[in-house]
């Protein structure tokens, strides 16, 4: 939904006057989550790059007739590429739909990476080395939680602004309909020049 700037400014004034506060994309909570997400993402990308480079080096050292299970390698490569796409997508998450996709994909990716690395590091999920928890599970948990928080902040603030916007727009529309038909300007001109 495209918001008219004149009405949107009135919504912001009204929120300030009534003391309505909620988490917004330009707020402190969002910024903290964003920086934690970026740090955890960078750490995860370094770990993934080291894994990919390591497997490529091992593969190059093997004799040409030797075979190696590459399923984990291919899975990590695909998940890393998707995670890079989602990181780029985070630049556009002012839109609530994009924010929802961003949060949802990060949840799926974090769970998938956790499962893949757990399988690569141990035969069972019970006796995993401490390295798994520090190097993989902790950063992936931060990515999951922070991206979910970021998405919820964007979606929640959009819904609150939309609701307040519709209330103000309804008041302006009533005044517009009360005007006599012969002096009635176009609706767009009326709301653009409306004085609150």
N, C-alpha and C. Protein backbone atom coordinates (compact mmCIF):
# COMPACT_ATOMS: atom_id res chain seq x y z
N UNK A 1 0.85 -1.18 0.00
CA UNK A 1 0.00 0.00 0.00
C UNK A 1 0.89 1.23 0.00
N UNK A 2 0.64 2.14 -0.96
CA UNK A 2 1.41 3.39 -1.03
C UNK A 2 0.74 4.43 -0.13
N UNK A 3 1.54 5.02 0.73
CA UNK A 3 1.02 6.02 1.66
C UNK A 3 1.21 7.42 1.09
N UNK A 4 0.19 8.27 1.26
CA UNK A 4 0.30 9.68 0.90
C UNK A 4 1.11 10.38 1.99
N UNK A 5 2.11 11.17 1.57
CA UNK A 5 3.02 11.81 2.53
C UNK A 5 2.29 12.75 3.49
N UNK A 6 1.32 13.50 2.99
CA UNK A 6 0.58 14.46 3.83
C UNK A 6 -0.17 13.72 4.95
N UNK A 7 -0.85 12.65 4.58
CA UNK A 7 -1.60 11.86 5.56
C UNK A 7 -0.62 11.16 6.51
N UNK A 8 0.46 10.63 5.95
CA UNK A 8 1.45 9.91 6.76
C UNK A 8 2.10 10.83 7.80
N UNK A 9 2.37 12.07 7.41
CA UNK A 9 2.92 13.04 8.37
C UNK A 9 1.93 13.30 9.50
N UNK A 10 0.65 13.36 9.17
CA UNK A 10 -0.39 13.56 10.18
C UNK A 10 -0.45 12.36 11.13
N UNK A 11 -0.29 11.15 10.57
CA UNK A 11 -0.29 9.94 11.39
C UNK A 11 0.86 9.99 12.40
N UNK A 12 2.04 10.41 11.94
CA UNK A 12 3.21 10.49 12.83
C UNK A 12 3.00 11.54 13.92
N UNK A 13 2.42 12.69 13.55
CA UNK A 13 2.12 13.74 14.55
C UNK A 13 1.13 13.22 15.58
N UNK A 14 0.13 12.53 15.10
CA UNK A 14 -0.92 12.00 15.99
C UNK A 14 -0.33 10.96 16.96
N UNK A 15 0.57 10.10 16.46
CA UNK A 15 1.22 9.11 17.33
C UNK A 15 2.03 9.79 18.42
N UNK A 16 2.76 10.83 18.04
CA UNK A 16 3.56 11.56 19.03
C UNK A 16 2.67 12.23 20.06
N UNK A 17 1.60 12.85 19.59
CA UNK A 17 0.69 13.57 20.49
C UNK A 17 0.02 12.60 21.48
N UNK A 18 -0.36 11.42 21.00
CA UNK A 18 -1.03 10.44 21.85
C UNK A 18 -0.04 9.58 22.64
N UNK A 19 1.25 9.74 22.37
CA UNK A 19 2.27 8.96 23.08
C UNK A 19 2.30 7.50 22.67
N UNK A 20 2.03 7.23 21.39
CA UNK A 20 2.05 5.86 20.88
C UNK A 20 3.48 5.54 20.42
N UNK A 21 4.08 4.56 21.08
CA UNK A 21 5.44 4.14 20.72
C UNK A 21 5.48 2.64 20.50
N UNK A 22 6.19 2.24 19.49
CA UNK A 22 6.39 0.83 19.18
C UNK A 22 7.73 0.70 18.43
N UNK A 23 8.23 -0.51 18.36
CA UNK A 23 9.52 -0.75 17.70
C UNK A 23 9.40 -0.44 16.21
N UNK A 24 10.37 0.33 15.71
CA UNK A 24 10.39 0.71 14.30
C UNK A 24 11.73 0.34 13.68
N UNK A 25 11.77 0.39 12.36
CA UNK A 25 13.00 0.01 11.66
C UNK A 25 14.14 0.97 11.98
N UNK A 26 13.84 2.21 12.28
CA UNK A 26 14.90 3.16 12.62
C UNK A 26 15.16 3.23 14.12
N UNK A 27 14.59 2.30 14.88
CA UNK A 27 14.76 2.28 16.33
C UNK A 27 15.99 1.51 16.78
N UNK A 28 16.27 1.63 18.07
CA UNK A 28 17.47 1.02 18.66
C UNK A 28 17.43 -0.51 18.62
N UNK A 29 16.28 -1.10 18.92
CA UNK A 29 16.16 -2.56 18.93
C UNK A 29 16.45 -3.17 17.57
N UNK A 30 15.92 -2.55 16.52
CA UNK A 30 16.17 -3.05 15.17
C UNK A 30 17.64 -2.93 14.81
N UNK A 31 18.25 -1.81 15.15
CA UNK A 31 19.67 -1.59 14.82
C UNK A 31 20.57 -2.59 15.55
N UNK A 32 20.27 -2.89 16.81
CA UNK A 32 21.06 -3.88 17.55
C UNK A 32 20.93 -5.25 16.88
N UNK A 33 19.69 -5.64 16.55
CA UNK A 33 19.48 -6.93 15.88
C UNK A 33 20.19 -6.97 14.53
N UNK A 34 20.16 -5.85 13.82
CA UNK A 34 20.80 -5.80 12.50
C UNK A 34 22.31 -6.02 12.62
N UNK A 35 22.95 -5.36 13.59
CA UNK A 35 24.41 -5.51 13.73
C UNK A 35 24.79 -6.89 14.24
N UNK A 36 24.01 -7.45 15.13
CA UNK A 36 24.26 -8.84 15.58
C UNK A 36 24.09 -9.81 14.41
N UNK A 37 23.06 -9.58 13.60
CA UNK A 37 22.82 -10.41 12.42
C UNK A 37 24.01 -10.33 11.46
N UNK A 38 24.49 -9.11 11.19
CA UNK A 38 25.61 -8.93 10.26
C UNK A 38 26.87 -9.63 10.78
N UNK A 39 27.15 -9.50 12.08
CA UNK A 39 28.33 -10.17 12.66
C UNK A 39 28.22 -11.69 12.57
N UNK A 40 27.06 -12.23 12.94
CA UNK A 40 26.87 -13.68 12.88
C UNK A 40 26.89 -14.17 11.44
N UNK A 41 26.32 -13.38 10.53
CA UNK A 41 26.34 -13.74 9.10
C UNK A 41 27.77 -13.77 8.58
N UNK A 42 28.57 -12.75 8.90
CA UNK A 42 29.96 -12.69 8.44
C UNK A 42 30.75 -13.89 8.98
N UNK A 43 30.57 -14.20 10.26
CA UNK A 43 31.26 -15.35 10.86
C UNK A 43 30.86 -16.65 10.16
N UNK A 44 29.57 -16.82 9.90
CA UNK A 44 29.08 -18.02 9.23
C UNK A 44 29.64 -18.12 7.81
N UNK A 45 29.71 -16.99 7.11
CA UNK A 45 30.27 -17.01 5.76
C UNK A 45 31.75 -17.39 5.76
N UNK A 46 32.50 -16.92 6.75
CA UNK A 46 33.92 -17.30 6.85
C UNK A 46 34.04 -18.80 7.09
N UNK A 47 33.25 -19.33 8.01
CA UNK A 47 33.27 -20.77 8.31
C UNK A 47 32.89 -21.58 7.07
N UNK A 48 31.85 -21.14 6.36
CA UNK A 48 31.42 -21.85 5.15
C UNK A 48 32.51 -21.80 4.07
N UNK A 49 33.14 -20.62 3.92
CA UNK A 49 34.21 -20.48 2.93
C UNK A 49 35.38 -21.40 3.28
N UNK A 50 35.74 -21.47 4.56
CA UNK A 50 36.83 -22.37 4.98
C UNK A 50 36.47 -23.83 4.70
N UNK A 51 35.23 -24.20 4.96
CA UNK A 51 34.80 -25.58 4.69
C UNK A 51 34.88 -25.87 3.19
N UNK A 52 34.36 -24.95 2.37
CA UNK A 52 34.34 -25.15 0.91
C UNK A 52 35.78 -25.24 0.37
N UNK A 53 36.64 -24.32 0.80
CA UNK A 53 38.04 -24.33 0.35
C UNK A 53 38.73 -25.62 0.81
N UNK A 54 38.47 -26.03 2.05
CA UNK A 54 39.07 -27.26 2.58
C UNK A 54 38.68 -28.49 1.77
N UNK A 55 37.41 -28.61 1.43
CA UNK A 55 36.95 -29.76 0.65
C UNK A 55 37.57 -29.72 -0.75
N UNK A 56 37.65 -28.52 -1.34
CA UNK A 56 38.27 -28.41 -2.67
C UNK A 56 39.75 -28.80 -2.63
N UNK A 57 40.46 -28.42 -1.57
CA UNK A 57 41.86 -28.80 -1.42
C UNK A 57 42.02 -30.31 -1.23
N UNK A 58 41.16 -30.89 -0.41
CA UNK A 58 41.20 -32.34 -0.20
C UNK A 58 40.93 -33.07 -1.52
N UNK A 59 39.93 -32.58 -2.25
CA UNK A 59 39.56 -33.20 -3.53
C UNK A 59 40.71 -33.11 -4.53
N UNK A 60 41.42 -31.99 -4.53
CA UNK A 60 42.54 -31.83 -5.48
C UNK A 60 43.73 -32.72 -5.12
N UNK A 61 43.87 -33.08 -3.85
CA UNK A 61 44.97 -33.94 -3.40
C UNK A 61 44.70 -35.42 -3.65
N UNK A 62 43.45 -35.79 -3.82
CA UNK A 62 43.11 -37.20 -4.03
C UNK A 62 43.53 -37.66 -5.41
N UNK A 63 43.87 -38.92 -5.54
CA UNK A 63 44.17 -39.46 -6.87
C UNK A 63 42.92 -39.35 -7.76
N UNK A 64 43.12 -39.32 -9.04
CA UNK A 64 42.01 -39.10 -9.97
C UNK A 64 40.98 -40.23 -9.94
N UNK A 65 41.39 -41.43 -9.56
CA UNK A 65 40.43 -42.54 -9.54
C UNK A 65 39.71 -42.67 -8.19
N UNK A 66 40.06 -41.85 -7.19
CA UNK A 66 39.42 -41.92 -5.88
C UNK A 66 38.08 -41.19 -5.91
N UNK A 67 37.15 -41.73 -5.16
CA UNK A 67 35.83 -41.08 -5.07
C UNK A 67 35.65 -40.50 -3.67
N UNK A 68 34.83 -39.47 -3.63
CA UNK A 68 34.58 -38.78 -2.36
C UNK A 68 33.11 -38.38 -2.32
N UNK A 69 32.48 -38.56 -1.17
CA UNK A 69 31.08 -38.16 -1.02
C UNK A 69 31.00 -36.63 -1.01
N UNK A 70 30.35 -36.08 -2.00
CA UNK A 70 30.28 -34.62 -2.16
C UNK A 70 28.91 -34.05 -1.79
N UNK A 71 28.02 -34.86 -1.23
CA UNK A 71 26.66 -34.38 -0.91
C UNK A 71 26.69 -33.23 0.09
N UNK A 72 27.48 -33.38 1.16
CA UNK A 72 27.58 -32.31 2.16
C UNK A 72 28.17 -31.05 1.56
N UNK A 73 29.17 -31.21 0.72
CA UNK A 73 29.81 -30.06 0.06
C UNK A 73 28.82 -29.31 -0.81
N UNK A 74 28.08 -30.03 -1.63
CA UNK A 74 27.10 -29.40 -2.53
C UNK A 74 26.00 -28.71 -1.72
N UNK A 75 25.55 -29.36 -0.67
CA UNK A 75 24.50 -28.77 0.18
C UNK A 75 24.98 -27.48 0.82
N UNK A 76 26.21 -27.48 1.36
CA UNK A 76 26.75 -26.26 1.98
C UNK A 76 26.91 -25.16 0.95
N UNK A 77 27.35 -25.50 -0.26
CA UNK A 77 27.50 -24.49 -1.33
C UNK A 77 26.15 -23.85 -1.68
N UNK A 78 25.12 -24.69 -1.84
CA UNK A 78 23.79 -24.17 -2.19
C UNK A 78 23.23 -23.31 -1.06
N UNK A 79 23.32 -23.80 0.18
CA UNK A 79 22.81 -23.03 1.32
C UNK A 79 23.56 -21.72 1.49
N UNK A 80 24.87 -21.73 1.24
CA UNK A 80 25.66 -20.50 1.34
C UNK A 80 25.22 -19.48 0.28
N UNK A 81 24.98 -19.96 -0.94
CA UNK A 81 24.52 -19.06 -2.00
C UNK A 81 23.16 -18.45 -1.66
N UNK A 82 22.26 -19.27 -1.12
CA UNK A 82 20.93 -18.77 -0.74
C UNK A 82 21.06 -17.78 0.42
N UNK A 83 21.95 -18.07 1.37
CA UNK A 83 22.14 -17.17 2.51
C UNK A 83 22.70 -15.81 2.05
N UNK A 84 23.57 -15.82 1.06
CA UNK A 84 24.08 -14.56 0.50
C UNK A 84 22.94 -13.77 -0.16
N UNK A 85 22.06 -14.47 -0.89
CA UNK A 85 20.89 -13.83 -1.51
C UNK A 85 19.99 -13.20 -0.45
N UNK A 86 19.76 -13.92 0.64
CA UNK A 86 18.89 -13.42 1.72
C UNK A 86 19.53 -12.20 2.38
N UNK A 87 20.85 -12.22 2.53
CA UNK A 87 21.55 -11.06 3.09
C UNK A 87 21.34 -9.83 2.20
N UNK A 88 21.45 -10.01 0.89
CA UNK A 88 21.20 -8.90 -0.05
C UNK A 88 19.75 -8.46 0.05
N UNK A 89 18.86 -9.43 0.20
CA UNK A 89 17.42 -9.13 0.34
C UNK A 89 17.15 -8.27 1.58
N UNK A 90 17.98 -8.40 2.61
CA UNK A 90 17.77 -7.63 3.85
C UNK A 90 17.88 -6.13 3.62
N UNK A 91 18.53 -5.72 2.55
CA UNK A 91 18.62 -4.29 2.24
C UNK A 91 17.26 -3.71 1.85
N UNK A 92 16.35 -4.56 1.42
CA UNK A 92 15.04 -4.11 0.93
C UNK A 92 13.91 -4.50 1.87
N UNK A 93 14.22 -4.80 3.14
CA UNK A 93 13.16 -5.31 4.00
C UNK A 93 12.36 -4.23 4.72
N UNK A 94 12.25 -3.05 4.12
CA UNK A 94 11.32 -2.05 4.64
C UNK A 94 9.89 -2.47 4.27
N UNK A 95 9.76 -3.25 3.21
CA UNK A 95 8.48 -3.78 2.78
C UNK A 95 8.14 -4.98 3.66
N UNK A 96 6.91 -5.06 4.18
CA UNK A 96 6.57 -6.16 5.10
C UNK A 96 6.62 -7.54 4.44
N UNK A 97 6.33 -7.63 3.15
CA UNK A 97 6.38 -8.93 2.48
C UNK A 97 7.83 -9.39 2.36
N UNK A 98 8.72 -8.47 1.95
CA UNK A 98 10.14 -8.79 1.85
C UNK A 98 10.69 -9.15 3.23
N UNK A 99 10.27 -8.41 4.26
CA UNK A 99 10.72 -8.70 5.62
C UNK A 99 10.27 -10.10 6.06
N UNK A 100 9.05 -10.48 5.71
CA UNK A 100 8.56 -11.82 6.04
C UNK A 100 9.35 -12.91 5.33
N UNK A 101 9.65 -12.68 4.05
CA UNK A 101 10.46 -13.64 3.29
C UNK A 101 11.86 -13.73 3.89
N UNK A 102 12.43 -12.57 4.22
CA UNK A 102 13.76 -12.51 4.83
C UNK A 102 13.81 -13.31 6.13
N UNK A 103 12.86 -13.08 7.01
CA UNK A 103 12.82 -13.79 8.29
C UNK A 103 12.58 -15.28 8.11
N UNK A 104 11.63 -15.64 7.24
CA UNK A 104 11.31 -17.04 7.01
C UNK A 104 12.45 -17.82 6.40
N UNK A 105 13.10 -17.23 5.40
CA UNK A 105 14.23 -17.92 4.76
C UNK A 105 15.40 -18.08 5.73
N UNK A 106 15.64 -17.09 6.57
CA UNK A 106 16.73 -17.22 7.53
C UNK A 106 16.45 -18.31 8.56
N UNK A 107 15.21 -18.48 8.94
CA UNK A 107 14.85 -19.57 9.86
C UNK A 107 15.13 -20.91 9.19
N UNK A 108 14.66 -21.07 7.95
CA UNK A 108 14.87 -22.32 7.22
C UNK A 108 16.36 -22.59 7.02
N UNK A 109 17.11 -21.56 6.60
CA UNK A 109 18.54 -21.73 6.36
C UNK A 109 19.29 -22.09 7.64
N UNK A 110 18.96 -21.45 8.73
CA UNK A 110 19.64 -21.73 10.00
C UNK A 110 19.41 -23.18 10.43
N UNK A 111 18.17 -23.63 10.31
CA UNK A 111 17.85 -25.02 10.67
C UNK A 111 18.58 -25.99 9.74
N UNK A 112 18.56 -25.71 8.43
CA UNK A 112 19.24 -26.59 7.46
C UNK A 112 20.74 -26.65 7.72
N UNK A 113 21.37 -25.49 7.94
CA UNK A 113 22.81 -25.48 8.22
C UNK A 113 23.13 -26.26 9.50
N UNK A 114 22.30 -26.11 10.51
CA UNK A 114 22.51 -26.83 11.77
C UNK A 114 22.47 -28.33 11.53
N UNK A 115 21.49 -28.79 10.78
CA UNK A 115 21.36 -30.22 10.49
C UNK A 115 22.55 -30.72 9.66
N UNK A 116 22.91 -29.96 8.63
CA UNK A 116 24.01 -30.37 7.75
C UNK A 116 25.32 -30.46 8.51
N UNK A 117 25.64 -29.41 9.28
CA UNK A 117 26.91 -29.43 10.01
C UNK A 117 26.91 -30.48 11.13
N UNK A 118 25.76 -30.72 11.72
CA UNK A 118 25.68 -31.78 12.74
C UNK A 118 25.96 -33.13 12.11
N UNK A 119 25.45 -33.37 10.92
CA UNK A 119 25.71 -34.64 10.23
C UNK A 119 27.16 -34.74 9.78
N UNK A 120 27.76 -33.63 9.37
CA UNK A 120 29.15 -33.67 8.92
C UNK A 120 30.12 -33.88 10.08
N UNK A 121 29.75 -33.41 11.28
CA UNK A 121 30.66 -33.48 12.42
C UNK A 121 30.46 -34.71 13.30
N UNK A 122 29.38 -35.44 13.13
CA UNK A 122 29.15 -36.60 14.00
C UNK A 122 28.12 -37.52 13.42
N UNK A 123 28.15 -38.75 13.86
CA UNK A 123 27.19 -39.74 13.38
C UNK A 123 25.83 -39.58 14.03
N UNK A 124 25.83 -39.08 15.26
CA UNK A 124 24.55 -38.87 15.96
C UNK A 124 24.46 -37.41 16.38
N UNK A 125 23.26 -36.97 16.70
CA UNK A 125 23.06 -35.60 17.16
C UNK A 125 23.34 -35.44 18.64
N UNK A 126 23.67 -36.53 19.32
CA UNK A 126 23.84 -36.49 20.76
C UNK A 126 25.27 -36.14 21.16
N UNK A 127 26.25 -36.81 20.58
CA UNK A 127 27.65 -36.64 20.98
C UNK A 127 28.41 -35.74 20.00
N UNK A 128 27.92 -34.55 19.79
CA UNK A 128 28.59 -33.62 18.89
C UNK A 128 29.73 -32.91 19.62
N UNK A 129 30.81 -32.57 18.92
CA UNK A 129 31.92 -31.87 19.57
C UNK A 129 31.54 -30.46 19.97
N UNK A 130 32.26 -29.92 20.95
CA UNK A 130 31.99 -28.55 21.43
C UNK A 130 32.16 -27.54 20.30
N UNK A 131 33.04 -27.84 19.35
CA UNK A 131 33.26 -26.96 18.20
C UNK A 131 31.95 -26.69 17.45
N UNK A 132 31.08 -27.70 17.35
CA UNK A 132 29.81 -27.54 16.66
C UNK A 132 28.97 -26.45 17.30
N UNK A 133 28.91 -26.46 18.63
CA UNK A 133 28.06 -25.49 19.34
C UNK A 133 28.59 -24.07 19.23
N UNK A 134 29.91 -23.92 19.31
CA UNK A 134 30.51 -22.58 19.27
C UNK A 134 30.62 -22.03 17.85
N UNK A 135 31.01 -22.88 16.91
CA UNK A 135 31.31 -22.41 15.56
C UNK A 135 30.07 -22.41 14.67
N UNK A 136 29.14 -23.31 14.92
CA UNK A 136 27.98 -23.41 14.02
C UNK A 136 26.66 -23.04 14.70
N UNK A 137 26.35 -23.70 15.80
CA UNK A 137 25.03 -23.51 16.40
C UNK A 137 24.83 -22.10 16.96
N UNK A 138 25.82 -21.55 17.64
CA UNK A 138 25.69 -20.21 18.23
C UNK A 138 25.46 -19.13 17.17
N UNK A 139 26.32 -19.03 16.12
CA UNK A 139 26.06 -17.99 15.11
C UNK A 139 24.75 -18.20 14.36
N UNK A 140 24.42 -19.46 14.08
CA UNK A 140 23.17 -19.72 13.36
C UNK A 140 21.96 -19.38 14.23
N UNK A 141 22.06 -19.59 15.52
CA UNK A 141 20.97 -19.21 16.44
C UNK A 141 20.81 -17.69 16.47
N UNK A 142 21.94 -16.97 16.46
CA UNK A 142 21.89 -15.50 16.44
C UNK A 142 21.24 -15.02 15.15
N UNK A 143 21.62 -15.63 14.02
CA UNK A 143 21.02 -15.26 12.74
C UNK A 143 19.52 -15.50 12.78
N UNK A 144 19.12 -16.66 13.26
CA UNK A 144 17.70 -17.00 13.33
C UNK A 144 16.92 -16.00 14.19
N UNK A 145 17.39 -15.77 15.42
CA UNK A 145 16.67 -14.89 16.34
C UNK A 145 16.65 -13.44 15.86
N UNK A 146 17.79 -12.94 15.40
CA UNK A 146 17.86 -11.54 14.97
C UNK A 146 17.05 -11.28 13.70
N UNK A 147 17.12 -12.20 12.75
CA UNK A 147 16.34 -11.99 11.52
C UNK A 147 14.85 -12.08 11.80
N UNK A 148 14.44 -12.97 12.71
CA UNK A 148 13.03 -13.03 13.09
C UNK A 148 12.59 -11.73 13.76
N UNK A 149 13.42 -11.23 14.68
CA UNK A 149 13.10 -9.97 15.37
C UNK A 149 13.01 -8.82 14.37
N UNK A 150 13.96 -8.75 13.44
CA UNK A 150 13.95 -7.68 12.43
C UNK A 150 12.68 -7.75 11.58
N UNK A 151 12.33 -8.95 11.14
CA UNK A 151 11.13 -9.12 10.32
C UNK A 151 9.87 -8.74 11.09
N UNK A 152 9.78 -9.17 12.34
CA UNK A 152 8.60 -8.85 13.15
C UNK A 152 8.49 -7.35 13.41
N UNK A 153 9.61 -6.68 13.63
CA UNK A 153 9.58 -5.23 13.84
C UNK A 153 9.04 -4.52 12.61
N UNK A 154 9.53 -4.89 11.43
CA UNK A 154 9.07 -4.25 10.19
C UNK A 154 7.59 -4.53 9.95
N UNK A 155 7.18 -5.77 10.10
CA UNK A 155 5.77 -6.13 9.85
C UNK A 155 4.85 -5.46 10.86
N UNK A 156 5.22 -5.49 12.14
CA UNK A 156 4.39 -4.89 13.18
C UNK A 156 4.25 -3.38 12.98
N UNK A 157 5.36 -2.70 12.70
CA UNK A 157 5.27 -1.24 12.53
C UNK A 157 4.46 -0.89 11.29
N UNK A 158 4.59 -1.69 10.22
CA UNK A 158 3.79 -1.44 9.02
C UNK A 158 2.29 -1.57 9.33
N UNK A 159 1.93 -2.63 10.04
CA UNK A 159 0.51 -2.85 10.36
C UNK A 159 -0.05 -1.74 11.25
N UNK A 160 0.75 -1.27 12.21
CA UNK A 160 0.29 -0.19 13.09
C UNK A 160 0.13 1.12 12.32
N UNK A 161 1.10 1.42 11.45
CA UNK A 161 1.01 2.65 10.64
C UNK A 161 -0.18 2.55 9.69
N UNK A 162 -0.37 1.39 9.09
CA UNK A 162 -1.49 1.21 8.15
C UNK A 162 -2.83 1.43 8.84
N UNK A 163 -2.97 0.88 10.04
CA UNK A 163 -4.23 1.04 10.78
C UNK A 163 -4.48 2.51 11.12
N UNK A 164 -3.46 3.20 11.63
CA UNK A 164 -3.60 4.62 11.97
C UNK A 164 -3.83 5.45 10.70
N UNK A 165 -3.17 5.09 9.62
CA UNK A 165 -3.33 5.80 8.34
C UNK A 165 -4.77 5.69 7.85
N UNK A 166 -5.33 4.50 7.93
CA UNK A 166 -6.72 4.30 7.48
C UNK A 166 -7.70 5.09 8.34
N UNK A 167 -7.43 5.22 9.65
CA UNK A 167 -8.30 6.02 10.52
C UNK A 167 -8.28 7.49 10.12
N UNK A 168 -7.08 8.02 9.88
CA UNK A 168 -6.96 9.44 9.48
C UNK A 168 -7.58 9.64 8.10
N UNK A 169 -7.34 8.71 7.20
CA UNK A 169 -7.88 8.82 5.84
C UNK A 169 -9.41 8.80 5.86
N UNK A 170 -10.00 8.03 6.75
CA UNK A 170 -11.45 7.97 6.85
C UNK A 170 -12.02 9.32 7.29
N UNK A 171 -11.35 9.98 8.23
CA UNK A 171 -11.79 11.31 8.69
C UNK A 171 -11.72 12.32 7.54
N UNK A 172 -10.61 12.29 6.79
CA UNK A 172 -10.43 13.21 5.66
C UNK A 172 -11.46 12.91 4.57
N UNK A 173 -11.76 11.64 4.35
CA UNK A 173 -12.73 11.26 3.33
C UNK A 173 -14.13 11.75 3.69
N UNK A 174 -14.47 11.70 4.97
CA UNK A 174 -15.78 12.23 5.40
C UNK A 174 -15.88 13.72 5.10
N UNK A 175 -14.81 14.46 5.38
CA UNK A 175 -14.81 15.90 5.08
C UNK A 175 -14.89 16.15 3.59
N UNK A 176 -14.23 15.31 2.81
CA UNK A 176 -14.27 15.44 1.35
C UNK A 176 -15.68 15.22 0.82
N UNK A 177 -16.36 14.22 1.36
CA UNK A 177 -17.73 13.93 0.92
C UNK A 177 -18.71 15.01 1.35
N UNK A 178 -18.38 15.76 2.41
CA UNK A 178 -19.27 16.82 2.89
C UNK A 178 -19.21 18.07 2.00
N UNK A 179 -18.19 18.18 1.18
CA UNK A 179 -18.08 19.34 0.28
C UNK A 179 -19.17 19.32 -0.78
N UNK A 180 -19.64 20.51 -1.19
CA UNK A 180 -20.64 20.53 -2.28
C UNK A 180 -20.01 20.04 -3.59
N UNK A 181 -20.81 19.35 -4.40
CA UNK A 181 -20.29 18.71 -5.61
C UNK A 181 -19.68 19.71 -6.60
N UNK A 182 -20.23 20.92 -6.67
CA UNK A 182 -19.72 21.88 -7.66
C UNK A 182 -18.34 22.43 -7.30
N UNK A 183 -17.98 22.42 -6.00
CA UNK A 183 -16.67 22.93 -5.56
C UNK A 183 -15.69 21.80 -5.18
N UNK A 184 -16.08 20.60 -5.42
CA UNK A 184 -15.27 19.46 -4.97
C UNK A 184 -14.05 19.27 -5.88
N UNK A 185 -12.83 19.35 -5.30
CA UNK A 185 -11.63 19.09 -6.11
C UNK A 185 -11.42 17.58 -6.29
N UNK A 186 -10.42 17.24 -7.09
CA UNK A 186 -10.06 15.83 -7.23
C UNK A 186 -9.58 15.29 -5.87
N UNK A 187 -9.81 14.01 -5.62
CA UNK A 187 -9.46 13.40 -4.34
C UNK A 187 -7.97 13.52 -4.05
N UNK A 188 -7.14 13.24 -5.04
CA UNK A 188 -5.67 13.31 -4.84
C UNK A 188 -5.24 14.73 -4.50
N UNK A 189 -5.81 15.72 -5.20
CA UNK A 189 -5.47 17.13 -4.91
C UNK A 189 -5.92 17.50 -3.50
N UNK A 190 -7.10 16.99 -3.12
CA UNK A 190 -7.64 17.30 -1.80
C UNK A 190 -6.75 16.77 -0.69
N UNK A 191 -6.36 15.51 -0.77
CA UNK A 191 -5.54 14.96 0.33
C UNK A 191 -4.12 15.50 0.30
N UNK A 192 -3.61 15.86 -0.88
CA UNK A 192 -2.26 16.43 -0.94
C UNK A 192 -2.20 17.82 -0.32
N UNK A 193 -3.29 18.59 -0.47
CA UNK A 193 -3.29 19.96 0.05
C UNK A 193 -4.08 20.11 1.36
N UNK A 194 -4.55 19.01 1.91
CA UNK A 194 -5.37 19.08 3.12
C UNK A 194 -4.54 19.59 4.29
N UNK A 195 -5.11 20.57 5.00
CA UNK A 195 -4.43 21.16 6.17
C UNK A 195 -5.03 20.58 7.43
N UNK A 196 -4.19 20.01 8.27
CA UNK A 196 -4.65 19.42 9.53
C UNK A 196 -4.60 20.45 10.63
